[in-house]
Amino acid sequence: MDKLDGKISEEFWQRKTAEWQLEEQQIQMAMQGLEDAHPDRLLTAKRTLELANKAYFLYVTQTPAEQAKLLKMVLSNCPV
């Protein structure tokens, strides 16, 4: 509307349009990358985030043996 009303220059409009098109392309590429992601990785990531969200509550409400099991599971891939 601003361009039609003469409030912004043609040069400004062209520059902003090019920026928006580039940003749109980058977003589309990112979305395609998400769609192409391996489903097992997405499931693993989802489970990891769910566990991280619940870890403290699970830890403080469990018995010492269950706490140990939880810690082993959470730390199983941590480098020494």
PDB file of N, CA and C in Angstrom:
ATOM      1  N   MET A   1       0.827  -1.186   0.000  1.00  0.00           N
ATOM      2  CA  MET A   1       0.000   0.000   0.000  1.00  0.00           C
ATOM      3  C   MET A   1       0.874   1.254   0.000  1.00  0.00           C
ATOM      4  N   ASP A   2       1.959   1.227   0.784  1.00  0.00           N
ATOM      5  CA  ASP A   2       2.838   2.396   0.841  1.00  0.00           C
ATOM      6  C   ASP A   2       3.449   2.694  -0.529  1.00  0.00           C
ATOM      7  N   LYS A   3       3.799   1.634  -1.279  1.00  0.00           N
ATOM      8  CA  LYS A   3       4.359   1.854  -2.615  1.00  0.00           C
ATOM      9  C   LYS A   3       3.304   2.476  -3.513  1.00  0.00           C
ATOM     10  N   LEU A   4       2.097   1.944  -3.479  1.00  0.00           N
ATOM     11  CA  LEU A   4       1.025   2.492  -4.309  1.00  0.00           C
ATOM     12  C   LEU A   4       0.702   3.935  -3.934  1.00  0.00           C
ATOM     13  N   ASP A   5       0.796   4.247  -2.663  1.00  0.00           N
ATOM     14  CA  ASP A   5       0.513   5.610  -2.191  1.00  0.00           C
ATOM     15  C   ASP A   5       1.692   6.557  -2.391  1.00  0.00           C
ATOM     16  N   GLY A   6       2.853   6.030  -2.873  1.00  0.00           N
ATOM     17  CA  GLY A   6       4.020   6.862  -3.100  1.00  0.00           C
ATOM     18  C   GLY A   6       4.801   7.186  -1.833  1.00  0.00           C
ATOM     19  N   LYS A   7       4.559   6.447  -0.766  1.00  0.00           N
ATOM     20  CA  LYS A   7       5.245   6.718   0.499  1.00  0.00           C
ATOM     21  C   LYS A   7       6.648   6.110   0.544  1.00  0.00           C
ATOM     22  N   ILE A   8       6.898   5.098  -0.298  1.00  0.00           N
ATOM     23  CA  ILE A   8       8.231   4.501  -0.376  1.00  0.00           C
ATOM     24  C   ILE A   8       8.668   4.479  -1.835  1.00  0.00           C
ATOM     25  N   SER A   9       9.988   4.486  -2.029  1.00  0.00           N
ATOM     26  CA  SER A   9      10.530   4.531  -3.395  1.00  0.00           C
ATOM     27  C   SER A   9      10.493   3.157  -4.054  1.00  0.00           C
ATOM     28  N   GLU A  10      10.583   3.165  -5.364  1.00  0.00           N
ATOM     29  CA  GLU A  10      10.645   1.918  -6.133  1.00  0.00           C
ATOM     30  C   GLU A  10      11.888   1.120  -5.744  1.00  0.00           C
ATOM     31  N   GLU A  11      13.006   1.819  -5.540  1.00  0.00           N
ATOM     32  CA  GLU A  11      14.268   1.162  -5.163  1.00  0.00           C
ATOM     33  C   GLU A  11      14.110   0.439  -3.822  1.00  0.00           C
ATOM     34  N   PHE A  12      13.509   1.113  -2.863  1.00  0.00           N
ATOM     35  CA  PHE A  12      13.285   0.505  -1.548  1.00  0.00           C
ATOM     36  C   PHE A  12      12.381  -0.714  -1.693  1.00  0.00           C
ATOM     37  N   TRP A  13      11.326  -0.586  -2.465  1.00  0.00           N
ATOM     38  CA  TRP A  13      10.380  -1.691  -2.676  1.00  0.00           C
ATOM     39  C   TRP A  13      11.091  -2.897  -3.306  1.00  0.00           C
ATOM     40  N   GLN A  14      11.912  -2.655  -4.326  1.00  0.00           N
ATOM     41  CA  GLN A  14      12.628  -3.739  -4.991  1.00  0.00           C
ATOM     42  C   GLN A  14      13.604  -4.427  -4.029  1.00  0.00           C
ATOM     43  N   ARG A  15      14.305  -3.632  -3.244  1.00  0.00           N
ATOM     44  CA  ARG A  15      15.274  -4.189  -2.284  1.00  0.00           C
ATOM     45  C   ARG A  15      14.564  -5.050  -1.238  1.00  0.00           C
ATOM     46  N   LYS A  16      13.481  -4.555  -0.666  1.00  0.00           N
ATOM     47  CA  LYS A  16      12.733  -5.300   0.350  1.00  0.00           C
ATOM     48  C   LYS A  16      12.119  -6.565  -0.248  1.00  0.00           C
ATOM     49  N   THR A  17      11.619  -6.461  -1.467  1.00  0.00           N
ATOM     50  CA  THR A  17      11.038  -7.629  -2.129  1.00  0.00           C
ATOM     51  C   THR A  17      12.090  -8.716  -2.311  1.00  0.00           C
ATOM     52  N   ALA A  18      13.292  -8.336  -2.724  1.00  0.00           N
ATOM     53  CA  ALA A  18      14.380  -9.309  -2.891  1.00  0.00           C
ATOM     54  C   ALA A  18      14.749  -9.938  -1.549  1.00  0.00           C
ATOM     55  N   GLU A  19      14.801  -9.140  -0.485  1.00  0.00           N
ATOM     56  CA  GLU A  19      15.102  -9.671   0.849  1.00  0.00           C
ATOM     57  C   GLU A  19      14.040 -10.670   1.286  1.00  0.00           C
ATOM     58  N   TRP A  20      12.782 -10.324   1.060  1.00  0.00           N
ATOM     59  CA  TRP A  20      11.687 -11.207   1.477  1.00  0.00           C
ATOM     60  C   TRP A  20      11.690 -12.512   0.694  1.00  0.00           C
ATOM     61  N   GLN A  21      12.021 -12.422  -0.607  1.00  0.00           N
ATOM     62  CA  GLN A  21      12.071 -13.638  -1.422  1.00  0.00           C
ATOM     63  C   GLN A  21      13.198 -14.553  -0.961  1.00  0.00           C
ATOM     64  N   LEU A  22      14.348 -13.968  -0.636  1.00  0.00           N
ATOM     65  CA  LEU A  22      15.471 -14.761  -0.128  1.00  0.00           C
ATOM     66  C   LEU A  22      15.103 -15.416   1.199  1.00  0.00           C
ATOM     67  N   GLU A  23      14.491 -14.666   2.082  1.00  0.00           N
ATOM     68  CA  GLU A  23      14.070 -15.211   3.371  1.00  0.00           C
ATOM     69  C   GLU A  23      13.047 -16.337   3.180  1.00  0.00           C
ATOM     70  N   GLU A  24      12.130 -16.156   2.251  1.00  0.00           N
ATOM     71  CA  GLU A  24      11.144 -17.201   1.975  1.00  0.00           C
ATOM     72  C   GLU A  24      11.817 -18.475   1.476  1.00  0.00           C
ATOM     73  N   GLN A  25      12.807 -18.328   0.587  1.00  0.00           N
ATOM     74  CA  GLN A  25      13.533 -19.491   0.074  1.00  0.00           C
ATOM     75  C   GLN A  25      14.264 -20.222   1.196  1.00  0.00           C
ATOM     76  N   GLN A  26      14.883 -19.469   2.100  1.00  0.00           N
ATOM     77  CA  GLN A  26      15.599 -20.081   3.223  1.00  0.00           C
ATOM     78  C   GLN A  26      14.638 -20.833   4.137  1.00  0.00           C
ATOM     79  N   ILE A  27      13.487 -20.261   4.380  1.00  0.00           N
ATOM     80  CA  ILE A  27      12.489 -20.922   5.225  1.00  0.00           C
ATOM     81  C   ILE A  27      11.984 -22.186   4.550  1.00  0.00           C
ATOM     82  N   GLN A  28      11.735 -22.113   3.249  1.00  0.00           N
ATOM     83  CA  GLN A  28      11.269 -23.301   2.522  1.00  0.00           C
ATOM     84  C   GLN A  28      12.320 -24.409   2.537  1.00  0.00           C
ATOM     85  N   MET A  29      13.595 -24.046   2.406  1.00  0.00           N
ATOM     86  CA  MET A  29      14.658 -25.048   2.462  1.00  0.00           C
ATOM     87  C   MET A  29      14.731 -25.681   3.851  1.00  0.00           C
ATOM     88  N   ALA A  30      14.585 -24.864   4.885  1.00  0.00           N
ATOM     89  CA  ALA A  30      14.609 -25.388   6.254  1.00  0.00           C
ATOM     90  C   ALA A  30      13.434 -26.326   6.481  1.00  0.00           C
ATOM     91  N   MET A  31      12.270 -25.947   5.993  1.00  0.00           N
ATOM     92  CA  MET A  31      11.086 -26.796   6.144  1.00  0.00           C
ATOM     93  C   MET A  31      11.263 -28.106   5.391  1.00  0.00           C
ATOM     94  N   GLN A  32      11.845 -28.045   4.197  1.00  0.00           N
ATOM     95  CA  GLN A  32      12.085 -29.265   3.426  1.00  0.00           C
ATOM     96  C   GLN A  32      13.050 -30.183   4.171  1.00  0.00           C
ATOM     97  N   GLY A  33      14.059 -29.588   4.800  1.00  0.00           N
ATOM     98  CA  GLY A  33      15.000 -30.383   5.590  1.00  0.00           C
ATOM     99  C   GLY A  33      14.309 -31.098   6.729  1.00  0.00           C
ATOM    100  N   LEU A  34      13.355 -30.442   7.349  1.00  0.00           N
ATOM    101  CA  LEU A  34      12.602 -31.084   8.423  1.00  0.00           C
ATOM    102  C   LEU A  34      11.736 -32.216   7.883  1.00  0.00           C
ATOM    103  N   GLU A  35      11.132 -31.994   6.730  1.00  0.00           N
ATOM    104  CA  GLU A  35      10.282 -33.025   6.136  1.00  0.00           C
ATOM    105  C   GLU A  35      11.098 -34.238   5.710  1.00  0.00           C
ATOM    106  N   ASP A  36      12.346 -33.997   5.285  1.00  0.00           N
ATOM    107  CA  ASP A  36      13.198 -35.086   4.813  1.00  0.00           C
ATOM    108  C   ASP A  36      13.919 -35.815   5.946  1.00  0.00           C
ATOM    109  N   ALA A  37      13.822 -35.292   7.150  1.00  0.00           N
ATOM    110  CA  ALA A  37      14.534 -35.886   8.290  1.00  0.00           C
ATOM    111  C   ALA A  37      14.069 -37.325   8.496  1.00  0.00           C
ATOM    112  N   HIS A  38      14.964 -38.121   8.959  1.00  0.00           N
ATOM    113  CA  HIS A  38      14.673 -39.531   9.214  1.00  0.00           C
ATOM    114  C   HIS A  38      13.674 -39.623  10.373  1.00  0.00           C
ATOM    115  N   PRO A  39      12.564 -40.332  10.192  1.00  0.00           N
ATOM    116  CA  PRO A  39      11.540 -40.406  11.239  1.00  0.00           C
ATOM    117  C   PRO A  39      12.056 -40.932  12.577  1.00  0.00           C
ATOM    118  N   ASP A  40      13.008 -41.854  12.550  1.00  0.00           N
ATOM    119  CA  ASP A  40      13.550 -42.393  13.797  1.00  0.00           C
ATOM    120  C   ASP A  40      14.279 -41.313  14.588  1.00  0.00           C
ATOM    121  N   ARG A  41      14.962 -40.427  13.896  1.00  0.00           N
ATOM    122  CA  ARG A  41      15.653 -39.333  14.576  1.00  0.00           C
ATOM    123  C   ARG A  41      14.652 -38.397  15.239  1.00  0.00           C
ATOM    124  N   LEU A  42      13.564 -38.121  14.537  1.00  0.00           N
ATOM    125  CA  LEU A  42      12.545 -37.245  15.111  1.00  0.00           C
ATOM    126  C   LEU A  42      11.925 -37.877  16.347  1.00  0.00           C
ATOM    127  N   LEU A  43      11.670 -39.167  16.294  1.00  0.00           N
ATOM    128  CA  LEU A  43      11.096 -39.867  17.444  1.00  0.00           C
ATOM    129  C   LEU A  43      12.070 -39.862  18.609  1.00  0.00           C
ATOM    130  N   THR A  44      13.343 -40.107  18.337  1.00  0.00           N
ATOM    131  CA  THR A  44      14.361 -40.082  19.383  1.00  0.00           C
ATOM    132  C   THR A  44      14.462 -38.686  20.001  1.00  0.00           C
ATOM    133  N   ALA A  45      14.462 -37.670  19.167  1.00  0.00           N
ATOM    134  CA  ALA A  45      14.534 -36.297  19.667  1.00  0.00           C
ATOM    135  C   ALA A  45      13.311 -35.974  20.518  1.00  0.00           C
ATOM    136  N   LYS A  46      12.157 -36.409  20.070  1.00  0.00           N
ATOM    137  CA  LYS A  46      10.923 -36.152  20.823  1.00  0.00           C
ATOM    138  C   LYS A  46      10.979 -36.834  22.187  1.00  0.00           C
ATOM    139  N   ARG A  47      11.404 -38.082  22.209  1.00  0.00           N
ATOM    140  CA  ARG A  47      11.502 -38.812  23.479  1.00  0.00           C
ATOM    141  C   ARG A  47      12.532 -38.181  24.407  1.00  0.00           C
ATOM    142  N   THR A  48      13.645 -37.722  23.845  1.00  0.00           N
ATOM    143  CA  THR A  48      14.677 -37.074  24.651  1.00  0.00           C
ATOM    144  C   THR A  48      14.142 -35.799  25.284  1.00  0.00           C
ATOM    145  N   LEU A  49      13.429 -35.006  24.510  1.00  0.00           N
ATOM    146  CA  LEU A  49      12.867 -33.765  25.048  1.00  0.00           C
ATOM    147  C   LEU A  49      11.803 -34.054  26.104  1.00  0.00           C
ATOM    148  N   GLU A  50      10.992 -35.075  25.871  1.00  0.00           N
ATOM    149  CA  GLU A  50       9.979 -35.443  26.865  1.00  0.00           C
ATOM    150  C   GLU A  50      10.642 -35.886  28.169  1.00  0.00           C
ATOM    151  N   LEU A  51      11.693 -36.686  28.063  1.00  0.00           N
ATOM    152  CA  LEU A  51      12.410 -37.150  29.244  1.00  0.00           C
ATOM    153  C   LEU A  51      13.064 -35.975  29.976  1.00  0.00           C
ATOM    154  N   ALA A  52      13.678 -35.082  29.225  1.00  0.00           N
ATOM    155  CA  ALA A  52      14.309 -33.916  29.845  1.00  0.00           C
ATOM    156  C   ALA A  52      13.277 -33.069  30.587  1.00  0.00           C
ATOM    157  N   ASN A  53      12.101 -32.976  30.017  1.00  0.00           N
ATOM    158  CA  ASN A  53      11.034 -32.192  30.634  1.00  0.00           C
ATOM    159  C   ASN A  53      10.548 -32.829  31.939  1.00  0.00           C
ATOM    160  N   LYS A  54      10.597 -34.161  32.020  1.00  0.00           N
ATOM    161  CA  LYS A  54      10.061 -34.872  33.178  1.00  0.00           C
ATOM    162  C   LYS A  54      11.139 -35.393  34.132  1.00  0.00           C
ATOM    163  N   ALA A  55      12.395 -35.240  33.786  1.00  0.00           N
ATOM    164  CA  ALA A  55      13.483 -35.891  34.524  1.00  0.00           C
ATOM    165  C   ALA A  55      13.505 -35.540  36.009  1.00  0.00           C
ATOM    166  N   TYR A  56      13.407 -34.291  36.348  1.00  0.00           N
ATOM    167  CA  TYR A  56      13.471 -33.904  37.762  1.00  0.00           C
ATOM    168  C   TYR A  56      12.326 -34.522  38.543  1.00  0.00           C
ATOM    169  N   PHE A  57      11.102 -34.398  38.013  1.00  0.00           N
ATOM    170  CA  PHE A  57       9.943 -34.958  38.706  1.00  0.00           C
ATOM    171  C   PHE A  57      10.090 -36.469  38.870  1.00  0.00           C
ATOM    172  N   LEU A  58      10.524 -37.139  37.795  1.00  0.00           N
ATOM    173  CA  LEU A  58      10.716 -38.585  37.879  1.00  0.00           C
ATOM    174  C   LEU A  58      11.757 -38.936  38.940  1.00  0.00           C
ATOM    175  N   TYR A  59      12.850 -38.189  38.975  1.00  0.00           N
ATOM    176  CA  TYR A  59      13.932 -38.487  39.909  1.00  0.00           C
ATOM    177  C   TYR A  59      13.474 -38.360  41.360  1.00  0.00           C
ATOM    178  N   VAL A  60      12.834 -37.253  41.703  1.00  0.00           N
ATOM    179  CA  VAL A  60      12.476 -37.015  43.109  1.00  0.00           C
ATOM    180  C   VAL A  60      11.313 -37.879  43.587  1.00  0.00           C
ATOM    181  N   THR A  61      10.585 -38.499  42.684  1.00  0.00           N
ATOM    182  CA  THR A  61       9.441 -39.325  43.098  1.00  0.00           C
ATOM    183  C   THR A  61       9.742 -40.818  43.066  1.00  0.00           C
ATOM    184  N   GLN A  62      10.979 -41.193  42.726  1.00  0.00           N
ATOM    185  CA  GLN A  62      11.308 -42.607  42.598  1.00  0.00           C
ATOM    186  C   GLN A  62      12.170 -43.094  43.763  1.00  0.00           C
ATOM    187  N   THR A  63      12.223 -44.409  43.865  1.00  0.00           N
ATOM    188  CA  THR A  63      13.076 -45.040  44.864  1.00  0.00           C
ATOM    189  C   THR A  63      14.536 -44.894  44.434  1.00  0.00           C
ATOM    190  N   PRO A  64      15.475 -45.090  45.361  1.00  0.00           N
ATOM    191  CA  PRO A  64      16.886 -44.992  44.983  1.00  0.00           C
ATOM    192  C   PRO A  64      17.274 -45.919  43.818  1.00  0.00           C
ATOM    193  N   ALA A  65      16.724 -47.118  43.778  1.00  0.00           N
ATOM    194  CA  ALA A  65      17.046 -48.041  42.681  1.00  0.00           C
ATOM    195  C   ALA A  65      16.521 -47.490  41.348  1.00  0.00           C
ATOM    196  N   GLU A  66      15.308 -46.951  41.371  1.00  0.00           N
ATOM    197  CA  GLU A  66      14.745 -46.362  40.154  1.00  0.00           C
ATOM    198  C   GLU A  66      15.508 -45.103  39.750  1.00  0.00           C
ATOM    199  N   GLN A  67      15.969 -44.339  40.747  1.00  0.00           N
ATOM    200  CA  GLN A  67      16.766 -43.145  40.458  1.00  0.00           C
ATOM    201  C   GLN A  67      18.062 -43.531  39.749  1.00  0.00           C
ATOM    202  N   ALA A  68      18.693 -44.592  40.239  1.00  0.00           N
ATOM    203  CA  ALA A  68      19.932 -45.060  39.617  1.00  0.00           C
ATOM    204  C   ALA A  68      19.687 -45.478  38.172  1.00  0.00           C
ATOM    205  N   LYS A  69      18.602 -46.189  37.943  1.00  0.00           N
ATOM    206  CA  LYS A  69      18.258 -46.633  36.595  1.00  0.00           C
ATOM    207  C   LYS A  69      18.010 -45.428  35.680  1.00  0.00           C
ATOM    208  N   LEU A  70      17.298 -44.427  36.178  1.00  0.00           N
ATOM    209  CA  LEU A  70      17.025 -43.219  35.411  1.00  0.00           C
ATOM    210  C   LEU A  70      18.330 -42.493  35.064  1.00  0.00           C
ATOM    211  N   LEU A  71      19.207 -42.359  36.053  1.00  0.00           N
ATOM    212  CA  LEU A  71      20.479 -41.681  35.797  1.00  0.00           C
ATOM    213  C   LEU A  71      21.330 -42.435  34.775  1.00  0.00           C
ATOM    214  N   LYS A  72      21.349 -43.762  34.878  1.00  0.00           N
ATOM    215  CA  LYS A  72      22.091 -44.552  33.883  1.00  0.00           C
ATOM    216  C   LYS A  72      21.539 -44.330  32.492  1.00  0.00           C
ATOM    217  N   MET A  73      20.222 -44.288  32.365  1.00  0.00           N
ATOM    218  CA  MET A  73      19.603 -44.096  31.057  1.00  0.00           C
ATOM    219  C   MET A  73      19.915 -42.689  30.523  1.00  0.00           C
ATOM    220  N   VAL A  74      19.763 -41.679  31.367  1.00  0.00           N
ATOM    221  CA  VAL A  74      19.991 -40.311  30.930  1.00  0.00           C
ATOM    222  C   VAL A  74      21.450 -40.068  30.560  1.00  0.00           C
ATOM    223  N   LEU A  75      22.354 -40.684  31.290  1.00  0.00           N
ATOM    224  CA  LEU A  75      23.783 -40.445  31.089  1.00  0.00           C
ATOM    225  C   LEU A  75      24.464 -41.500  30.233  1.00  0.00           C
ATOM    226  N   SER A  76      23.709 -42.407  29.637  1.00  0.00           N
ATOM    227  CA  SER A  76      24.297 -43.529  28.910  1.00  0.00           C
ATOM    228  C   SER A  76      25.178 -43.116  27.730  1.00  0.00           C
ATOM    229  N   ASN A  77      24.908 -42.007  27.100  1.00  0.00           N
ATOM    230  CA  ASN A  77      25.714 -41.597  25.945  1.00  0.00           C
ATOM    231  C   ASN A  77      26.663 -40.449  26.248  1.00  0.00           C
ATOM    232  N   CYS A  78      26.825 -40.121  27.523  1.00  0.00           N
ATOM    233  CA  CYS A  78      27.727 -39.041  27.890  1.00  0.00           C
ATOM    234  C   CYS A  78      29.167 -39.529  27.862  1.00  0.00           C
ATOM    235  N   PRO A  79      30.051 -38.748  27.252  1.00  0.00           N
ATOM    236  CA  PRO A  79      31.470 -39.155  27.243  1.00  0.00           C
ATOM    237  C   PRO A  79      32.057 -39.041  28.642  1.00  0.00           C
ATOM    238  N   VAL A  80      33.030 -39.877  28.918  1.00  0.00           N
ATOM    239  CA  VAL A  80      33.663 -39.895  30.233  1.00  0.00           C
ATOM    240  C   VAL A  80      34.677 -38.807  30.358  1.00  0.00           C
TER     241      VAL A  80
END
